[in-house]
Amino acid sequence: MHARWPLHLMFLPGALLLLIYHYIPTFGFVIAFQHFIPAKGITGSEWVGWENFSYLIKLPNFYNVIWNTFYISIMKVAAGLVFPIVIALLLNELRSRFVKRSVQTLIYLPHFMSWIILGGIMIDILSPTRGIINQLLAVFGIEPLFFLGSPDMFPYVLVGSDLWKDFGFSTIVYLAALTGINPNLYEAAVIDGANRWKQTVYITLPGMAPVIILMATLSLGQILNAGFEQVFNLYNPAVYETGDIIDTLVYRMGLVQAQYSLATAVGLFKSFVSLILISFSYMLAYRFANYRIF
């Protein structure tokens, strides 16, 4: 035990940061039950009980924001599960290590970029006047499309750009899962006359199944996190109807309109639902993938 105290000291700064910036601020949830006035503080502000939550439920766009959050998140989860698996299977079939490593590096690179940078890139690519996509469409006589100004197209732009940014990381997870499959199974399958497709269906995918189930179940806990940084850098009032999510609503209420109590009420509602979803996802992960955190 005494030999491990340097390790505990190394853990201490991270634990303090977690305590200061994640746990202590949670006590501010009481603002959701007050008519909070910054000058009076938490102790001096008037208590209003459930009035803020009642007001939120009556907002005309509140349910639309909830729907947008679920809709966008579910599409991101589905695309972020299927596409990386397909890419991992294709990369696994490459025989050239140089090509394989090069492709991995290229698809993993966007993961390290912030949405400030990627948002600017997406705006330039999708511009109706100078964007490369609309220039290509013009070659075929198609009128320019306003991707970031169309309520119908905007959710799919969010899903596509999120997939572009993060599918490389998920691909590496599935490639790591592929390395755990016993190569003797493939040798036996070749002897039995199985082609590459049958090897994939009957050996590769079943071998990846525990990791796939784990990734799918854990992603349920992120359903209400539709990606604030991404949406904030790409959306505009023209697409609020289909692009406004819980986090952007909290931002506008809390920081732009200074409705601190309402913003806290929305955030508390999201945290409560997220807690239920995360608990449910860990239960599924333990049930189907034998994954435990304790």
C-alpha atoms as a PDB file:
ATOM      1  CA  MET A   1       0.000   0.000   0.000  1.00  0.00           C
ATOM      2  CA  HIS A   2       2.767   2.453   0.886  1.00  0.00           C
ATOM      3  CA  ALA A   3       4.451   1.801  -2.451  1.00  0.00           C
ATOM      4  CA  ARG A   4       1.314   3.001  -4.263  1.00  0.00           C
ATOM      5  CA  TRP A   5       1.010   6.456  -2.712  1.00  0.00           C
ATOM      6  CA  PRO A   6       2.742   8.168  -5.700  1.00  0.00           C
ATOM      7  CA  LEU A   7       0.023   6.733  -7.930  1.00  0.00           C
ATOM      8  CA  HIS A   8      -2.662   8.148  -5.650  1.00  0.00           C
ATOM      9  CA  LEU A   9      -0.973  11.550  -5.743  1.00  0.00           C
ATOM     10  CA  MET A  10      -0.988  11.429  -9.546  1.00  0.00           C
ATOM     11  CA  PHE A  11      -4.712  10.712  -9.416  1.00  0.00           C
ATOM     12  CA  LEU A  12      -5.413  13.621  -7.041  1.00  0.00           C
ATOM     13  CA  PRO A  13      -5.274  16.552  -9.570  1.00  0.00           C
ATOM     14  CA  GLY A  14      -7.734  14.821 -11.893  1.00  0.00           C
ATOM     15  CA  ALA A  15     -10.032  14.001  -9.006  1.00  0.00           C
ATOM     16  CA  LEU A  16      -9.969  17.636  -7.830  1.00  0.00           C
ATOM     17  CA  LEU A  17     -10.780  18.919 -11.316  1.00  0.00           C
ATOM     18  CA  LEU A  18     -13.652  16.455 -11.562  1.00  0.00           C
ATOM     19  CA  LEU A  19     -14.947  17.531  -8.152  1.00  0.00           C
ATOM     20  CA  ILE A  20     -14.668  21.266  -8.829  1.00  0.00           C
ATOM     21  CA  TYR A  21     -16.039  21.389 -12.374  1.00  0.00           C
ATOM     22  CA  HIS A  22     -18.511  18.488 -12.373  1.00  0.00           C
ATOM     23  CA  TYR A  23     -19.810  17.653  -8.921  1.00  0.00           C
ATOM     24  CA  ILE A  24     -19.869  20.949  -7.020  1.00  0.00           C
ATOM     25  CA  PRO A  25     -21.756  22.795  -9.822  1.00  0.00           C
ATOM     26  CA  THR A  26     -24.559  20.215  -9.622  1.00  0.00           C
ATOM     27  CA  PHE A  27     -25.741  21.881  -6.412  1.00  0.00           C
ATOM     28  CA  GLY A  28     -26.828  24.780  -8.604  1.00  0.00           C
ATOM     29  CA  PHE A  29     -29.855  22.722  -9.682  1.00  0.00           C
ATOM     30  CA  VAL A  30     -31.841  24.552  -6.983  1.00  0.00           C
ATOM     31  CA  ILE A  31     -32.024  27.498  -9.394  1.00  0.00           C
ATOM     32  CA  ALA A  32     -34.575  25.482 -11.380  1.00  0.00           C
ATOM     33  CA  PHE A  33     -36.994  25.890  -8.442  1.00  0.00           C
ATOM     34  CA  GLN A  34     -36.404  29.612  -7.980  1.00  0.00           C
ATOM     35  CA  HIS A  35     -37.030  32.908  -9.689  1.00  0.00           C
ATOM     36  CA  PHE A  36     -33.275  33.361  -9.763  1.00  0.00           C
ATOM     37  CA  ILE A  37     -31.850  36.874  -9.727  1.00  0.00           C
ATOM     38  CA  PRO A  38     -28.019  36.981  -9.869  1.00  0.00           C
ATOM     39  CA  ALA A  39     -27.851  40.054  -7.626  1.00  0.00           C
ATOM     40  CA  LYS A  40     -29.701  38.200  -4.852  1.00  0.00           C
ATOM     41  CA  GLY A  41     -27.927  34.884  -5.304  1.00  0.00           C
ATOM     42  CA  ILE A  42     -29.288  31.435  -4.585  1.00  0.00           C
ATOM     43  CA  THR A  43     -30.085  32.151  -0.940  1.00  0.00           C
ATOM     44  CA  GLY A  44     -31.922  35.404  -1.639  1.00  0.00           C
ATOM     45  CA  SER A  45     -33.924  34.457  -4.731  1.00  0.00           C
ATOM     46  CA  GLU A  46     -37.620  33.641  -4.469  1.00  0.00           C
ATOM     47  CA  TRP A  47     -38.663  29.977  -4.410  1.00  0.00           C
ATOM     48  CA  VAL A  48     -41.334  29.135  -6.987  1.00  0.00           C
ATOM     49  CA  GLY A  49     -41.436  25.342  -6.765  1.00  0.00           C
ATOM     50  CA  TRP A  50     -42.420  23.608 -10.014  1.00  0.00           C
ATOM     51  CA  GLU A  51     -43.490  26.828 -11.730  1.00  0.00           C
ATOM     52  CA  ASN A  52     -40.531  26.852 -14.145  1.00  0.00           C
ATOM     53  CA  PHE A  53     -41.195  23.269 -15.236  1.00  0.00           C
ATOM     54  CA  SER A  54     -44.882  24.042 -15.716  1.00  0.00           C
ATOM     55  CA  TYR A  55     -43.958  27.021 -17.877  1.00  0.00           C
ATOM     56  CA  LEU A  56     -41.568  24.924 -19.968  1.00  0.00           C
ATOM     57  CA  ILE A  57     -44.201  22.298 -20.693  1.00  0.00           C
ATOM     58  CA  LYS A  58     -46.483  25.014 -22.030  1.00  0.00           C
ATOM     59  CA  LEU A  59     -43.878  26.468 -24.397  1.00  0.00           C
ATOM     60  CA  PRO A  60     -45.018  25.920 -28.008  1.00  0.00           C
ATOM     61  CA  ASN A  61     -41.594  24.740 -29.198  1.00  0.00           C
ATOM     62  CA  PHE A  62     -40.545  22.650 -26.192  1.00  0.00           C
ATOM     63  CA  TYR A  63     -41.856  19.316 -27.481  1.00  0.00           C
ATOM     64  CA  ASN A  64     -40.468  20.067 -30.921  1.00  0.00           C
ATOM     65  CA  VAL A  65     -37.010  20.580 -29.370  1.00  0.00           C
ATOM     66  CA  ILE A  66     -37.334  17.258 -27.503  1.00  0.00           C
ATOM     67  CA  TRP A  67     -38.300  15.521 -30.737  1.00  0.00           C
ATOM     68  CA  ASN A  68     -35.411  17.108 -32.649  1.00  0.00           C
ATOM     69  CA  THR A  69     -32.969  15.949 -29.983  1.00  0.00           C
ATOM     70  CA  PHE A  70     -34.197  12.357 -30.054  1.00  0.00           C
ATOM     71  CA  TYR A  71     -34.495  12.245 -33.843  1.00  0.00           C
ATOM     72  CA  ILE A  72     -31.017  13.603 -34.535  1.00  0.00           C
ATOM     73  CA  SER A  73     -29.407  11.509 -31.787  1.00  0.00           C
ATOM     74  CA  ILE A  74     -31.023   8.262 -32.911  1.00  0.00           C
ATOM     75  CA  MET A  75     -29.892   8.851 -36.502  1.00  0.00           C
ATOM     76  CA  LYS A  76     -26.365   9.589 -35.294  1.00  0.00           C
ATOM     77  CA  VAL A  77     -26.301   6.434 -33.165  1.00  0.00           C
ATOM     78  CA  ALA A  78     -27.569   4.260 -36.032  1.00  0.00           C
ATOM     79  CA  ALA A  79     -25.161   5.727 -38.596  1.00  0.00           C
ATOM     80  CA  GLY A  80     -22.282   5.691 -36.115  1.00  0.00           C
ATOM     81  CA  LEU A  81     -22.869   2.003 -35.476  1.00  0.00           C
ATOM     82  CA  VAL A  82     -23.375   0.629 -38.997  1.00  0.00           C
ATOM     83  CA  PHE A  83     -20.903   2.671 -41.037  1.00  0.00           C
ATOM     84  CA  PRO A  84     -17.780   2.030 -38.884  1.00  0.00           C
ATOM     85  CA  ILE A  85     -18.509  -1.712 -38.884  1.00  0.00           C
ATOM     86  CA  VAL A  86     -18.648  -1.747 -42.681  1.00  0.00           C
ATOM     87  CA  ILE A  87     -15.431   0.280 -42.977  1.00  0.00           C
ATOM     88  CA  ALA A  88     -13.670  -1.948 -40.442  1.00  0.00           C
ATOM     89  CA  LEU A  89     -14.657  -5.051 -42.411  1.00  0.00           C
ATOM     90  CA  LEU A  90     -13.416  -3.491 -45.655  1.00  0.00           C
ATOM     91  CA  LEU A  91     -10.129  -2.393 -44.092  1.00  0.00           C
ATOM     92  CA  ASN A  92      -9.667  -5.861 -42.670  1.00  0.00           C
ATOM     93  CA  GLU A  93      -9.741  -7.261 -46.214  1.00  0.00           C
ATOM     94  CA  LEU A  94      -6.868  -5.052 -47.409  1.00  0.00           C
ATOM     95  CA  ARG A  95      -3.603  -6.907 -47.830  1.00  0.00           C
ATOM     96  CA  SER A  96      -1.346  -3.866 -48.159  1.00  0.00           C
ATOM     97  CA  ARG A  97      -0.366  -2.657 -44.683  1.00  0.00           C
ATOM     98  CA  PHE A  98       0.716   0.706 -46.107  1.00  0.00           C
ATOM     99  CA  VAL A  99      -2.665   1.355 -47.735  1.00  0.00           C
ATOM    100  CA  LYS A 100      -4.479   0.134 -44.643  1.00  0.00           C
ATOM    101  CA  ARG A 101      -2.519   2.377 -42.272  1.00  0.00           C
ATOM    102  CA  SER A 102      -2.849   5.343 -44.647  1.00  0.00           C
ATOM    103  CA  VAL A 103      -6.631   4.996 -44.850  1.00  0.00           C
ATOM    104  CA  GLN A 104      -6.873   4.614 -41.076  1.00  0.00           C
ATOM    105  CA  THR A 105      -4.889   7.810 -40.555  1.00  0.00           C
ATOM    106  CA  LEU A 106      -7.003   9.787 -43.022  1.00  0.00           C
ATOM    107  CA  ILE A 107     -10.350   8.748 -41.568  1.00  0.00           C
ATOM    108  CA  TYR A 108      -9.135   9.198 -37.974  1.00  0.00           C
ATOM    109  CA  LEU A 109      -7.756  12.709 -38.529  1.00  0.00           C
ATOM    110  CA  PRO A 110     -11.088  14.639 -38.269  1.00  0.00           C
ATOM    111  CA  HIS A 111     -11.619  13.181 -34.789  1.00  0.00           C
ATOM    112  CA  PHE A 112      -8.870  15.467 -33.462  1.00  0.00           C
ATOM    113  CA  MET A 113     -10.378  18.642 -34.933  1.00  0.00           C
ATOM    114  CA  SER A 114     -12.812  20.842 -33.034  1.00  0.00           C
ATOM    115  CA  TRP A 115     -16.199  21.763 -34.409  1.00  0.00           C
ATOM    116  CA  ILE A 116     -14.977  25.345 -34.766  1.00  0.00           C
ATOM    117  CA  ILE A 117     -12.634  24.164 -37.527  1.00  0.00           C
ATOM    118  CA  LEU A 118     -14.914  21.521 -38.989  1.00  0.00           C
ATOM    119  CA  GLY A 119     -17.889  23.880 -38.881  1.00  0.00           C
ATOM    120  CA  GLY A 120     -16.010  26.387 -41.013  1.00  0.00           C
ATOM    121  CA  ILE A 121     -15.027  23.615 -43.419  1.00  0.00           C
ATOM    122  CA  MET A 122     -18.637  22.422 -43.683  1.00  0.00           C
ATOM    123  CA  ILE A 123     -19.904  25.964 -44.305  1.00  0.00           C
ATOM    124  CA  ASP A 124     -17.424  26.386 -47.152  1.00  0.00           C
ATOM    125  CA  ILE A 125     -18.159  22.964 -48.653  1.00  0.00           C
ATOM    126  CA  LEU A 126     -21.944  23.420 -48.488  1.00  0.00           C
ATOM    127  CA  SER A 127     -22.066  27.077 -49.521  1.00  0.00           C
ATOM    128  CA  PRO A 128     -24.774  27.644 -52.173  1.00  0.00           C
ATOM    129  CA  THR A 129     -22.480  30.001 -54.110  1.00  0.00           C
ATOM    130  CA  ARG A 130     -18.907  28.774 -53.763  1.00  0.00           C
ATOM    131  CA  GLY A 131     -19.309  25.334 -52.152  1.00  0.00           C
ATOM    132  CA  ILE A 132     -17.709  22.424 -53.982  1.00  0.00           C
ATOM    133  CA  ILE A 133     -20.853  20.273 -53.697  1.00  0.00           C
ATOM    134  CA  ASN A 134     -23.095  22.868 -55.347  1.00  0.00           C
ATOM    135  CA  GLN A 135     -20.446  23.464 -57.997  1.00  0.00           C
ATOM    136  CA  LEU A 136     -20.544  19.755 -58.819  1.00  0.00           C
ATOM    137  CA  LEU A 137     -24.343  19.837 -58.913  1.00  0.00           C
ATOM    138  CA  ALA A 138     -24.196  22.791 -61.296  1.00  0.00           C
ATOM    139  CA  VAL A 139     -22.177  20.679 -63.744  1.00  0.00           C
ATOM    140  CA  PHE A 140     -25.206  18.369 -64.031  1.00  0.00           C
ATOM    141  CA  GLY A 141     -27.620  21.296 -64.345  1.00  0.00           C
ATOM    142  CA  ILE A 142     -28.976  21.038 -60.786  1.00  0.00           C
ATOM    143  CA  GLU A 143     -29.930  24.230 -58.993  1.00  0.00           C
ATOM    144  CA  PRO A 144     -27.828  25.124 -55.912  1.00  0.00           C
ATOM    145  CA  LEU A 145     -29.085  23.660 -52.650  1.00  0.00           C
ATOM    146  CA  PHE A 146     -29.033  25.649 -49.403  1.00  0.00           C
ATOM    147  CA  PHE A 147     -28.009  22.762 -47.147  1.00  0.00           C
ATOM    148  CA  LEU A 148     -27.571  24.841 -43.982  1.00  0.00           C
ATOM    149  CA  GLY A 149     -30.720  26.900 -44.569  1.00  0.00           C
ATOM    150  CA  SER A 150     -33.195  24.152 -45.377  1.00  0.00           C
ATOM    151  CA  PRO A 151     -35.130  22.740 -42.382  1.00  0.00           C
ATOM    152  CA  ASP A 152     -35.672  19.474 -44.248  1.00  0.00           C
ATOM    153  CA  MET A 153     -32.002  18.917 -45.089  1.00  0.00           C
ATOM    154  CA  PHE A 154     -30.322  20.288 -41.968  1.00  0.00           C
ATOM    155  CA  PRO A 155     -30.756  17.208 -39.682  1.00  0.00           C
ATOM    156  CA  TYR A 156     -29.126  15.007 -42.329  1.00  0.00           C
ATOM    157  CA  VAL A 157     -26.254  17.470 -42.668  1.00  0.00           C
ATOM    158  CA  LEU A 158     -25.725  17.113 -38.910  1.00  0.00           C
ATOM    159  CA  VAL A 159     -25.733  13.329 -39.115  1.00  0.00           C
ATOM    160  CA  GLY A 160     -23.402  13.246 -42.121  1.00  0.00           C
ATOM    161  CA  SER A 161     -20.884  15.696 -40.681  1.00  0.00           C
ATOM    162  CA  ASP A 162     -20.916  13.947 -37.289  1.00  0.00           C
ATOM    163  CA  LEU A 163     -20.280  10.640 -39.039  1.00  0.00           C
ATOM    164  CA  TRP A 164     -17.394  12.177 -40.994  1.00  0.00           C
ATOM    165  CA  LYS A 165     -15.798  13.431 -37.781  1.00  0.00           C
ATOM    166  CA  ASP A 166     -16.092  10.399 -35.516  1.00  0.00           C
ATOM    167  CA  PHE A 167     -16.508   7.223 -37.548  1.00  0.00           C
ATOM    168  CA  GLY A 168     -12.733   6.801 -37.771  1.00  0.00           C
ATOM    169  CA  PHE A 169     -12.455   6.401 -33.996  1.00  0.00           C
ATOM    170  CA  SER A 170     -15.219   3.799 -33.898  1.00  0.00           C
ATOM    171  CA  THR A 171     -13.589   1.979 -36.803  1.00  0.00           C
ATOM    172  CA  ILE A 172     -10.423   1.512 -34.756  1.00  0.00           C
ATOM    173  CA  VAL A 173     -12.503  -0.015 -31.946  1.00  0.00           C
ATOM    174  CA  TYR A 174     -13.975  -2.578 -34.326  1.00  0.00           C
ATOM    175  CA  LEU A 175     -10.599  -3.281 -35.926  1.00  0.00           C
ATOM    176  CA  ALA A 176      -9.291  -4.043 -32.443  1.00  0.00           C
ATOM    177  CA  ALA A 177     -12.218  -6.424 -31.970  1.00  0.00           C
ATOM    178  CA  LEU A 178     -11.255  -8.190 -35.200  1.00  0.00           C
ATOM    179  CA  THR A 179      -7.787  -8.947 -33.853  1.00  0.00           C
ATOM    180  CA  GLY A 180      -9.358 -10.968 -31.039  1.00  0.00           C
ATOM    181  CA  ILE A 181     -10.931 -13.497 -33.403  1.00  0.00           C
ATOM    182  CA  ASN A 182      -9.111 -16.825 -33.513  1.00  0.00           C
ATOM    183  CA  PRO A 183      -7.395 -17.156 -36.949  1.00  0.00           C
ATOM    184  CA  ASN A 184      -7.789 -20.931 -36.749  1.00  0.00           C
ATOM    185  CA  LEU A 185     -11.487 -20.429 -37.390  1.00  0.00           C
ATOM    186  CA  TYR A 186     -10.737 -18.867 -40.773  1.00  0.00           C
ATOM    187  CA  GLU A 187      -8.345 -21.682 -41.656  1.00  0.00           C
ATOM    188  CA  ALA A 188     -11.009 -24.251 -40.830  1.00  0.00           C
ATOM    189  CA  ALA A 189     -13.564 -22.314 -42.879  1.00  0.00           C
ATOM    190  CA  VAL A 190     -11.225 -22.256 -45.910  1.00  0.00           C
ATOM    191  CA  ILE A 191     -10.758 -26.009 -45.645  1.00  0.00           C
ATOM    192  CA  ASP A 192     -14.555 -26.410 -45.602  1.00  0.00           C
ATOM    193  CA  GLY A 193     -14.798 -24.289 -48.773  1.00  0.00           C
ATOM    194  CA  ALA A 194     -16.220 -21.096 -47.273  1.00  0.00           C
ATOM    195  CA  ASN A 195     -15.618 -17.940 -49.340  1.00  0.00           C
ATOM    196  CA  ARG A 196     -14.804 -14.510 -47.887  1.00  0.00           C
ATOM    197  CA  TRP A 197     -18.465 -13.523 -47.644  1.00  0.00           C
ATOM    198  CA  LYS A 198     -19.402 -16.646 -45.669  1.00  0.00           C
ATOM    199  CA  GLN A 199     -16.365 -16.185 -43.437  1.00  0.00           C
ATOM    200  CA  THR A 200     -17.561 -12.662 -42.682  1.00  0.00           C
ATOM    201  CA  VAL A 201     -21.132 -13.746 -41.955  1.00  0.00           C
ATOM    202  CA  TYR A 202     -20.385 -16.843 -39.871  1.00  0.00           C
ATOM    203  CA  ILE A 203     -17.057 -15.959 -38.212  1.00  0.00           C
ATOM    204  CA  THR A 204     -16.227 -12.252 -38.320  1.00  0.00           C
ATOM    205  CA  LEU A 205     -19.580 -10.732 -37.383  1.00  0.00           C
ATOM    206  CA  PRO A 206     -20.298 -13.250 -34.582  1.00  0.00           C
ATOM    207  CA  GLY A 207     -16.781 -12.629 -33.266  1.00  0.00           C
ATOM    208  CA  MET A 208     -17.445  -8.876 -33.235  1.00  0.00           C
ATOM    209  CA  ALA A 209     -20.917  -9.266 -31.721  1.00  0.00           C
ATOM    210  CA  PRO A 210     -19.940  -8.599 -28.053  1.00  0.00           C
ATOM    211  CA  VAL A 211     -18.219  -5.325 -28.989  1.00  0.00           C
ATOM    212  CA  ILE A 212     -21.073  -4.303 -31.297  1.00  0.00           C
ATOM    213  CA  ILE A 213     -23.641  -4.973 -28.568  1.00  0.00           C
ATOM    214  CA  LEU A 214     -21.521  -3.086 -26.038  1.00  0.00           C
ATOM    215  CA  MET A 215     -21.122  -0.025 -28.276  1.00  0.00           C
ATOM    216  CA  ALA A 216     -24.821  -0.044 -29.174  1.00  0.00           C
ATOM    217  CA  THR A 217     -26.056  -0.296 -25.588  1.00  0.00           C
ATOM    218  CA  LEU A 218     -23.644   2.302 -24.210  1.00  0.00           C
ATOM    219  CA  SER A 219     -24.691   4.741 -26.933  1.00  0.00           C
ATOM    220  CA  LEU A 220     -28.225   4.734 -25.481  1.00  0.00           C
ATOM    221  CA  GLY A 221     -26.956   6.898 -22.638  1.00  0.00           C
ATOM    222  CA  GLN A 222     -26.017   9.599 -25.159  1.00  0.00           C
ATOM    223  CA  ILE A 223     -29.449   9.861 -26.793  1.00  0.00           C
ATOM    224  CA  LEU A 224     -30.098  13.329 -25.345  1.00  0.00           C
ATOM    225  CA  ASN A 225     -26.626  14.573 -26.343  1.00  0.00           C
ATOM    226  CA  ALA A 226     -27.256  15.524 -29.942  1.00  0.00           C
ATOM    227  CA  GLY A 227     -24.012  17.503 -30.115  1.00  0.00           C
ATOM    228  CA  PHE A 228     -24.146  21.108 -28.899  1.00  0.00           C
ATOM    229  CA  GLU A 229     -20.817  22.205 -30.418  1.00  0.00           C
ATOM    230  CA  GLN A 230     -21.749  20.876 -33.832  1.00  0.00           C
ATOM    231  CA  VAL A 231     -25.273  22.303 -33.910  1.00  0.00           C
ATOM    232  CA  PHE A 232     -24.179  25.634 -32.460  1.00  0.00           C
ATOM    233  CA  ASN A 233     -21.564  26.114 -35.173  1.00  0.00           C
ATOM    234  CA  LEU A 234     -23.844  25.109 -38.045  1.00  0.00           C
ATOM    235  CA  TYR A 235     -27.396  26.138 -37.241  1.00  0.00           C
ATOM    236  CA  ASN A 236     -29.227  29.439 -37.735  1.00  0.00           C
ATOM    237  CA  PRO A 237     -32.771  30.737 -37.076  1.00  0.00           C
ATOM    238  CA  ALA A 238     -33.942  29.396 -40.447  1.00  0.00           C
ATOM    239  CA  VAL A 239     -33.488  25.797 -39.264  1.00  0.00           C
ATOM    240  CA  TYR A 240     -34.648  26.097 -35.649  1.00  0.00           C
ATOM    241  CA  GLU A 241     -37.722  24.056 -36.571  1.00  0.00           C
ATOM    242  CA  THR A 242     -35.717  20.874 -37.189  1.00  0.00           C
ATOM    243  CA  GLY A 243     -32.242  21.717 -35.834  1.00  0.00           C
ATOM    244  CA  ASP A 244     -32.885  23.212 -32.408  1.00  0.00           C
ATOM    245  CA  ILE A 245     -31.961  20.752 -29.619  1.00  0.00           C
ATOM    246  CA  ILE A 246     -32.095  20.805 -25.822  1.00  0.00           C
ATOM    247  CA  ASP A 247     -28.545  22.101 -25.383  1.00  0.00           C
ATOM    248  CA  THR A 248     -28.981  24.997 -27.817  1.00  0.00           C
ATOM    249  CA  LEU A 249     -32.295  25.881 -26.153  1.00  0.00           C
ATOM    250  CA  VAL A 250     -30.520  25.987 -22.780  1.00  0.00           C
ATOM    251  CA  TYR A 251     -27.798  28.195 -24.281  1.00  0.00           C
ATOM    252  CA  ARG A 252     -30.249  30.721 -25.695  1.00  0.00           C
ATOM    253  CA  MET A 253     -32.392  30.806 -22.562  1.00  0.00           C
ATOM    254  CA  GLY A 254     -29.529  30.960 -20.087  1.00  0.00           C
ATOM    255  CA  LEU A 255     -26.840  33.056 -21.758  1.00  0.00           C
ATOM    256  CA  VAL A 256     -28.622  34.992 -24.490  1.00  0.00           C
ATOM    257  CA  GLN A 257     -31.975  35.726 -22.811  1.00  0.00           C
ATOM    258  CA  ALA A 258     -30.684  35.547 -19.193  1.00  0.00           C
ATOM    259  CA  GLN A 259     -33.563  33.247 -18.135  1.00  0.00           C
ATOM    260  CA  TYR A 260     -31.360  31.333 -15.743  1.00  0.00           C
ATOM    261  CA  SER A 261     -34.100  29.489 -13.892  1.00  0.00           C
ATOM    262  CA  LEU A 262     -35.762  28.204 -17.076  1.00  0.00           C
ATOM    263  CA  ALA A 263     -32.415  27.152 -18.556  1.00  0.00           C
ATOM    264  CA  THR A 264     -31.542  25.268 -15.373  1.00  0.00           C
ATOM    265  CA  ALA A 265     -34.957  23.584 -15.402  1.00  0.00           C
ATOM    266  CA  VAL A 266     -34.369  22.352 -18.961  1.00  0.00           C
ATOM    267  CA  GLY A 267     -30.880  21.162 -18.034  1.00  0.00           C
ATOM    268  CA  LEU A 268     -32.191  19.354 -14.953  1.00  0.00           C
ATOM    269  CA  PHE A 269     -34.866  17.662 -17.035  1.00  0.00           C
ATOM    270  CA  LYS A 270     -32.232  16.506 -19.500  1.00  0.00           C
ATOM    271  CA  SER A 271     -29.946  15.257 -16.699  1.00  0.00           C
ATOM    272  CA  PHE A 272     -32.772  13.269 -15.108  1.00  0.00           C
ATOM    273  CA  VAL A 273     -33.740  11.556 -18.359  1.00  0.00           C
ATOM    274  CA  SER A 274     -30.069  10.958 -19.215  1.00  0.00           C
ATOM    275  CA  LEU A 275     -29.515   9.305 -15.823  1.00  0.00           C
ATOM    276  CA  ILE A 276     -32.350   6.876 -16.556  1.00  0.00           C
ATOM    277  CA  LEU A 277     -31.037   6.134 -20.057  1.00  0.00           C
ATOM    278  CA  ILE A 278     -27.443   5.654 -18.870  1.00  0.00           C
ATOM    279  CA  SER A 279     -28.544   3.299 -16.087  1.00  0.00           C
ATOM    280  CA  PHE A 280     -30.660   1.355 -18.576  1.00  0.00           C
ATOM    281  CA  SER A 281     -27.787   1.193 -21.088  1.00  0.00           C
ATOM    282  CA  TYR A 282     -25.353  -0.152 -18.477  1.00  0.00           C
ATOM    283  CA  MET A 283     -27.927  -2.736 -17.463  1.00  0.00           C
ATOM    284  CA  LEU A 284     -28.211  -3.859 -21.098  1.00  0.00           C
ATOM    285  CA  ALA A 285     -24.422  -3.828 -21.487  1.00  0.00           C
ATOM    286  CA  TYR A 286     -24.075  -6.140 -18.487  1.00  0.00           C
ATOM    287  CA  ARG A 287     -26.966  -8.330 -19.639  1.00  0.00           C
ATOM    288  CA  PHE A 288     -25.860  -8.841 -23.261  1.00  0.00           C
ATOM    289  CA  ALA A 289     -22.104  -8.077 -23.277  1.00  0.00           C
ATOM    290  CA  ASN A 290     -21.099  -8.904 -19.678  1.00  0.00           C
ATOM    291  CA  TYR A 291     -19.730  -5.357 -19.315  1.00  0.00           C
ATOM    292  CA  ARG A 292     -19.457  -3.955 -15.796  1.00  0.00           C
ATOM    293  CA  ILE A 293     -18.088  -0.712 -14.387  1.00  0.00           C
ATOM    294  CA  PHE A 294     -18.095  -1.916 -10.774  1.00  0.00           C
END
